[in-house]
């Protein structure tokens, strides 16, 4: 996953690539709460959700994108940010599904 940082003229000034991290359950749960996309009915509501949880979102993103600085997140386009958050969740769930199951249960 990659994320772009833009300047005031919409030029890409930085591209950050995600590193694979092992998220804790609490982090995944927080992301799921923040991105309860099914309950979001319009863009305004989505913006309010992201705005209200911005510090939590940045904390999670900083773990995945260590080359990003706090101010960089202010210059990432929302249409690129939300899909990255969803991809982080999908990746986490795919890793969980790889856990071997005990055939006795």
N, C-alpha and C. Protein backbone atom coordinates (compact mmCIF):
# COMPACT_ATOMS: atom_id res chain seq x y z
N UNK A 1 0.84 -1.18 0.00
CA UNK A 1 0.00 0.00 0.00
C UNK A 1 0.88 1.24 0.00
N UNK A 2 0.44 2.21 -0.73
CA UNK A 2 1.15 3.49 -0.79
C UNK A 2 0.16 4.60 -0.52
N UNK A 3 0.69 5.70 -0.02
CA UNK A 3 -0.15 6.88 0.21
C UNK A 3 0.63 8.11 -0.25
N UNK A 4 -0.07 9.04 -0.87
CA UNK A 4 0.55 10.24 -1.41
C UNK A 4 0.29 11.44 -0.51
N UNK A 5 1.28 12.30 -0.42
CA UNK A 5 1.16 13.58 0.28
C UNK A 5 1.25 14.66 -0.78
N UNK A 6 0.33 15.61 -0.74
CA UNK A 6 0.24 16.64 -1.76
C UNK A 6 0.60 18.01 -1.22
N UNK A 7 1.06 18.89 -2.13
CA UNK A 7 1.27 20.28 -1.75
C UNK A 7 0.00 21.07 -2.07
N UNK A 8 0.03 22.37 -1.91
CA UNK A 8 -1.15 23.21 -2.13
C UNK A 8 -1.59 23.25 -3.59
N UNK A 9 -0.71 22.84 -4.51
CA UNK A 9 -1.05 22.84 -5.93
C UNK A 9 -1.39 21.44 -6.44
N UNK A 10 -1.65 20.53 -5.52
CA UNK A 10 -2.01 19.14 -5.86
C UNK A 10 -0.87 18.34 -6.48
N UNK A 11 0.36 18.77 -6.26
CA UNK A 11 1.51 18.00 -6.71
C UNK A 11 1.90 17.03 -5.61
N UNK A 12 2.27 15.82 -6.00
CA UNK A 12 2.71 14.84 -5.02
C UNK A 12 4.11 15.23 -4.55
N UNK A 13 4.26 15.40 -3.24
CA UNK A 13 5.55 15.79 -2.68
C UNK A 13 6.19 14.66 -1.88
N UNK A 14 5.40 13.63 -1.61
CA UNK A 14 5.93 12.51 -0.84
C UNK A 14 5.05 11.29 -1.10
N UNK A 15 5.69 10.14 -1.24
CA UNK A 15 4.97 8.88 -1.36
C UNK A 15 5.49 7.98 -0.25
N UNK A 16 4.58 7.52 0.58
CA UNK A 16 4.96 6.64 1.69
C UNK A 16 4.42 5.24 1.41
N UNK A 17 5.25 4.27 1.69
CA UNK A 17 4.85 2.88 1.49
C UNK A 17 4.64 2.22 2.85
N UNK A 18 3.58 1.44 2.93
CA UNK A 18 3.24 0.79 4.20
C UNK A 18 4.19 -0.36 4.48
N UNK A 19 4.44 -0.56 5.76
CA UNK A 19 5.18 -1.74 6.17
C UNK A 19 4.18 -2.67 6.85
N UNK A 20 4.46 -3.95 6.77
CA UNK A 20 3.59 -4.93 7.39
C UNK A 20 3.79 -4.86 8.90
N UNK A 21 2.70 -4.72 9.61
CA UNK A 21 2.77 -4.71 11.07
C UNK A 21 1.75 -5.68 11.61
N UNK A 22 1.95 -6.09 12.84
CA UNK A 22 1.03 -6.99 13.51
C UNK A 22 0.17 -6.14 14.45
N UNK A 23 -1.03 -5.83 14.01
CA UNK A 23 -1.91 -4.98 14.80
C UNK A 23 -2.50 -5.75 15.98
N UNK A 24 -2.66 -5.06 17.07
CA UNK A 24 -3.30 -5.65 18.24
C UNK A 24 -4.81 -5.63 18.04
N UNK A 25 -5.50 -6.52 18.74
CA UNK A 25 -6.94 -6.60 18.59
C UNK A 25 -7.62 -5.28 18.91
N UNK A 26 -7.17 -4.60 19.93
CA UNK A 26 -7.77 -3.32 20.30
C UNK A 26 -7.68 -2.30 19.18
N UNK A 27 -6.57 -2.31 18.46
CA UNK A 27 -6.39 -1.40 17.34
C UNK A 27 -7.37 -1.74 16.21
N UNK A 28 -7.51 -3.02 15.93
CA UNK A 28 -8.43 -3.46 14.89
C UNK A 28 -9.87 -3.10 15.28
N UNK A 29 -10.20 -3.32 16.54
CA UNK A 29 -11.55 -3.01 17.03
C UNK A 29 -11.82 -1.50 16.88
N UNK A 30 -10.83 -0.69 17.23
CA UNK A 30 -10.98 0.77 17.09
C UNK A 30 -11.19 1.16 15.63
N UNK A 31 -10.42 0.57 14.75
CA UNK A 31 -10.57 0.86 13.32
C UNK A 31 -11.97 0.48 12.84
N UNK A 32 -12.44 -0.69 13.29
CA UNK A 32 -13.77 -1.13 12.87
C UNK A 32 -14.84 -0.17 13.36
N UNK A 33 -14.71 0.31 14.58
CA UNK A 33 -15.67 1.27 15.12
C UNK A 33 -15.62 2.58 14.32
N UNK A 34 -14.40 3.02 14.04
CA UNK A 34 -14.22 4.28 13.32
C UNK A 34 -14.74 4.21 11.90
N UNK A 35 -14.56 3.06 11.30
CA UNK A 35 -14.91 2.92 9.88
C UNK A 35 -16.12 2.03 9.68
N UNK A 36 -17.10 2.20 10.51
CA UNK A 36 -18.33 1.43 10.36
C UNK A 36 -19.03 1.94 9.11
N UNK A 37 -18.45 1.60 7.98
CA UNK A 37 -18.87 2.14 6.68
C UNK A 37 -20.34 1.82 6.39
N UNK A 38 -20.81 0.67 6.83
CA UNK A 38 -22.19 0.28 6.55
C UNK A 38 -23.19 1.28 7.11
N UNK A 39 -22.84 1.92 8.23
CA UNK A 39 -23.79 2.85 8.84
C UNK A 39 -23.64 4.28 8.33
N UNK A 40 -22.62 4.54 7.52
CA UNK A 40 -22.41 5.88 6.98
C UNK A 40 -23.27 6.04 5.74
N UNK A 41 -24.14 7.06 5.78
CA UNK A 41 -25.09 7.23 4.68
C UNK A 41 -24.71 8.34 3.71
N UNK A 42 -23.76 9.19 4.09
CA UNK A 42 -23.34 10.24 3.16
C UNK A 42 -21.91 10.67 3.46
N UNK A 43 -21.35 11.43 2.55
CA UNK A 43 -19.97 11.88 2.67
C UNK A 43 -19.77 12.75 3.90
N UNK A 44 -20.74 13.59 4.20
CA UNK A 44 -20.64 14.45 5.38
C UNK A 44 -20.50 13.65 6.66
N UNK A 45 -21.27 12.58 6.75
CA UNK A 45 -21.20 11.72 7.93
C UNK A 45 -19.83 11.03 8.01
N UNK A 46 -19.31 10.60 6.86
CA UNK A 46 -17.99 9.97 6.82
C UNK A 46 -16.93 10.96 7.27
N UNK A 47 -17.02 12.20 6.81
CA UNK A 47 -16.05 13.22 7.21
C UNK A 47 -16.10 13.47 8.71
N UNK A 48 -17.30 13.52 9.28
CA UNK A 48 -17.45 13.71 10.72
C UNK A 48 -16.81 12.56 11.49
N UNK A 49 -16.99 11.33 10.99
CA UNK A 49 -16.42 10.16 11.65
C UNK A 49 -14.90 10.23 11.64
N UNK A 50 -14.34 10.53 10.48
CA UNK A 50 -12.88 10.63 10.36
C UNK A 50 -12.36 11.78 11.22
N UNK A 51 -13.02 12.92 11.17
CA UNK A 51 -12.59 14.08 11.95
C UNK A 51 -12.63 13.79 13.45
N UNK A 52 -13.70 13.18 13.90
CA UNK A 52 -13.85 12.90 15.32
C UNK A 52 -12.85 11.91 15.87
N UNK A 53 -12.30 11.08 15.00
CA UNK A 53 -11.36 10.05 15.44
C UNK A 53 -9.97 10.26 14.86
N UNK A 54 -9.68 11.47 14.42
CA UNK A 54 -8.44 11.75 13.69
C UNK A 54 -7.19 11.30 14.44
N UNK A 55 -7.07 11.61 15.72
CA UNK A 55 -5.86 11.24 16.45
C UNK A 55 -5.69 9.73 16.52
N UNK A 56 -6.78 9.00 16.70
CA UNK A 56 -6.70 7.53 16.73
C UNK A 56 -6.30 6.99 15.37
N UNK A 57 -6.87 7.57 14.32
CA UNK A 57 -6.56 7.11 12.97
C UNK A 57 -5.09 7.35 12.66
N UNK A 58 -4.59 8.53 13.00
CA UNK A 58 -3.18 8.85 12.72
C UNK A 58 -2.25 7.93 13.52
N UNK A 59 -2.63 7.61 14.74
CA UNK A 59 -1.82 6.70 15.55
C UNK A 59 -1.67 5.34 14.85
N UNK A 60 -2.75 4.84 14.29
CA UNK A 60 -2.72 3.57 13.56
C UNK A 60 -1.92 3.71 12.28
N UNK A 61 -2.18 4.78 11.54
CA UNK A 61 -1.48 4.98 10.27
C UNK A 61 0.02 5.18 10.47
N UNK A 62 0.40 5.86 11.55
CA UNK A 62 1.83 6.07 11.82
C UNK A 62 2.57 4.75 12.00
N UNK A 63 1.88 3.76 12.54
CA UNK A 63 2.50 2.44 12.71
C UNK A 63 2.72 1.77 11.36
N UNK A 64 1.78 1.97 10.45
CA UNK A 64 1.86 1.35 9.12
C UNK A 64 2.76 2.13 8.16
N UNK A 65 2.82 3.43 8.34
CA UNK A 65 3.60 4.31 7.46
C UNK A 65 4.60 5.10 8.30
N UNK A 66 5.68 4.46 8.72
CA UNK A 66 6.62 5.11 9.65
C UNK A 66 7.35 6.32 9.07
N UNK A 67 7.37 6.48 7.76
CA UNK A 67 8.08 7.63 7.18
C UNK A 67 7.20 8.89 7.15
N UNK A 68 5.94 8.73 7.52
CA UNK A 68 5.04 9.88 7.55
C UNK A 68 5.20 10.65 8.85
N UNK A 69 5.07 11.96 8.76
CA UNK A 69 5.08 12.82 9.93
C UNK A 69 3.65 13.29 10.17
N UNK A 70 3.36 13.74 11.39
CA UNK A 70 1.99 14.12 11.74
C UNK A 70 1.41 15.11 10.74
N UNK A 71 2.16 16.12 10.38
CA UNK A 71 1.67 17.13 9.44
C UNK A 71 1.41 16.61 8.04
N UNK A 72 2.11 15.52 7.66
CA UNK A 72 1.88 14.94 6.34
C UNK A 72 0.44 14.48 6.16
N UNK A 73 -0.15 13.99 7.22
CA UNK A 73 -1.52 13.46 7.11
C UNK A 73 -2.53 14.54 6.74
N UNK A 74 -2.21 15.79 7.04
CA UNK A 74 -3.10 16.89 6.68
C UNK A 74 -3.18 17.09 5.16
N UNK A 75 -2.21 16.54 4.45
CA UNK A 75 -2.12 16.75 3.00
C UNK A 75 -2.31 15.46 2.21
N UNK A 76 -3.06 14.53 2.78
CA UNK A 76 -3.43 13.29 2.10
C UNK A 76 -4.89 13.43 1.69
N UNK A 77 -5.20 13.03 0.49
CA UNK A 77 -6.58 13.14 0.01
C UNK A 77 -7.45 12.08 0.67
N UNK A 78 -8.64 12.50 1.07
CA UNK A 78 -9.57 11.60 1.76
C UNK A 78 -9.91 10.40 0.89
N UNK A 79 -10.04 10.61 -0.42
CA UNK A 79 -10.39 9.50 -1.31
C UNK A 79 -9.27 8.47 -1.39
N UNK A 80 -8.07 8.82 -0.97
CA UNK A 80 -6.96 7.87 -0.91
C UNK A 80 -6.80 7.30 0.49
N UNK A 81 -7.16 8.08 1.48
CA UNK A 81 -6.99 7.68 2.88
C UNK A 81 -7.94 6.57 3.30
N UNK A 82 -9.22 6.74 3.02
CA UNK A 82 -10.22 5.76 3.46
C UNK A 82 -9.96 4.38 2.86
N UNK A 83 -9.67 4.25 1.57
CA UNK A 83 -9.37 2.92 1.05
C UNK A 83 -8.14 2.27 1.71
N UNK A 84 -7.16 3.07 2.09
CA UNK A 84 -5.98 2.53 2.77
C UNK A 84 -6.39 1.98 4.13
N UNK A 85 -7.22 2.69 4.85
CA UNK A 85 -7.69 2.20 6.15
C UNK A 85 -8.46 0.90 5.99
N UNK A 86 -9.29 0.83 4.97
CA UNK A 86 -10.05 -0.40 4.71
C UNK A 86 -9.10 -1.54 4.36
N UNK A 87 -8.08 -1.26 3.56
CA UNK A 87 -7.10 -2.29 3.20
C UNK A 87 -6.33 -2.80 4.42
N UNK A 88 -6.02 -1.90 5.35
CA UNK A 88 -5.34 -2.31 6.58
C UNK A 88 -6.22 -3.31 7.33
N UNK A 89 -7.51 -3.01 7.41
CA UNK A 89 -8.44 -3.93 8.08
C UNK A 89 -8.53 -5.26 7.35
N UNK A 90 -8.65 -5.21 6.03
CA UNK A 90 -8.75 -6.45 5.24
C UNK A 90 -7.51 -7.31 5.44
N UNK A 91 -6.34 -6.67 5.40
CA UNK A 91 -5.10 -7.42 5.59
C UNK A 91 -5.07 -8.07 6.97
N UNK A 92 -5.47 -7.32 7.98
CA UNK A 92 -5.48 -7.86 9.34
C UNK A 92 -6.39 -9.07 9.44
N UNK A 93 -7.57 -8.97 8.83
CA UNK A 93 -8.50 -10.10 8.87
C UNK A 93 -7.97 -11.29 8.07
N UNK A 94 -7.31 -11.04 6.96
CA UNK A 94 -6.77 -12.16 6.18
C UNK A 94 -5.68 -12.89 6.97
N UNK A 95 -4.91 -12.15 7.76
CA UNK A 95 -3.90 -12.77 8.60
C UNK A 95 -4.54 -13.60 9.72
N UNK A 96 -5.63 -13.09 10.26
CA UNK A 96 -6.34 -13.84 11.31
C UNK A 96 -6.87 -15.16 10.76
N UNK A 97 -7.37 -15.13 9.53
CA UNK A 97 -7.93 -16.34 8.92
C UNK A 97 -6.89 -17.41 8.61
N UNK A 98 -5.62 -17.03 8.62
CA UNK A 98 -4.54 -17.98 8.38
C UNK A 98 -4.18 -18.80 9.62
N UNK A 99 -4.71 -18.40 10.77
CA UNK A 99 -4.42 -19.11 12.01
C UNK A 99 -5.00 -20.51 11.91
N UNK A 100 -4.17 -21.53 12.17
CA UNK A 100 -4.65 -22.92 12.08
C UNK A 100 -5.80 -23.18 13.03
N UNK A 101 -6.74 -23.97 12.56
CA UNK A 101 -7.88 -24.34 13.39
C UNK A 101 -7.67 -25.72 13.96
N UNK A 102 -8.07 -25.89 15.19
CA UNK A 102 -7.98 -27.19 15.84
C UNK A 102 -9.15 -28.03 15.36
N UNK A 103 -8.87 -29.14 14.70
CA UNK A 103 -9.91 -29.96 14.13
C UNK A 103 -10.77 -30.65 15.19
N UNK A 104 -10.34 -30.66 16.43
CA UNK A 104 -11.09 -31.29 17.52
C UNK A 104 -12.25 -30.41 17.96
N UNK A 105 -12.20 -29.12 17.71
CA UNK A 105 -13.25 -28.22 18.18
C UNK A 105 -14.30 -28.04 17.15
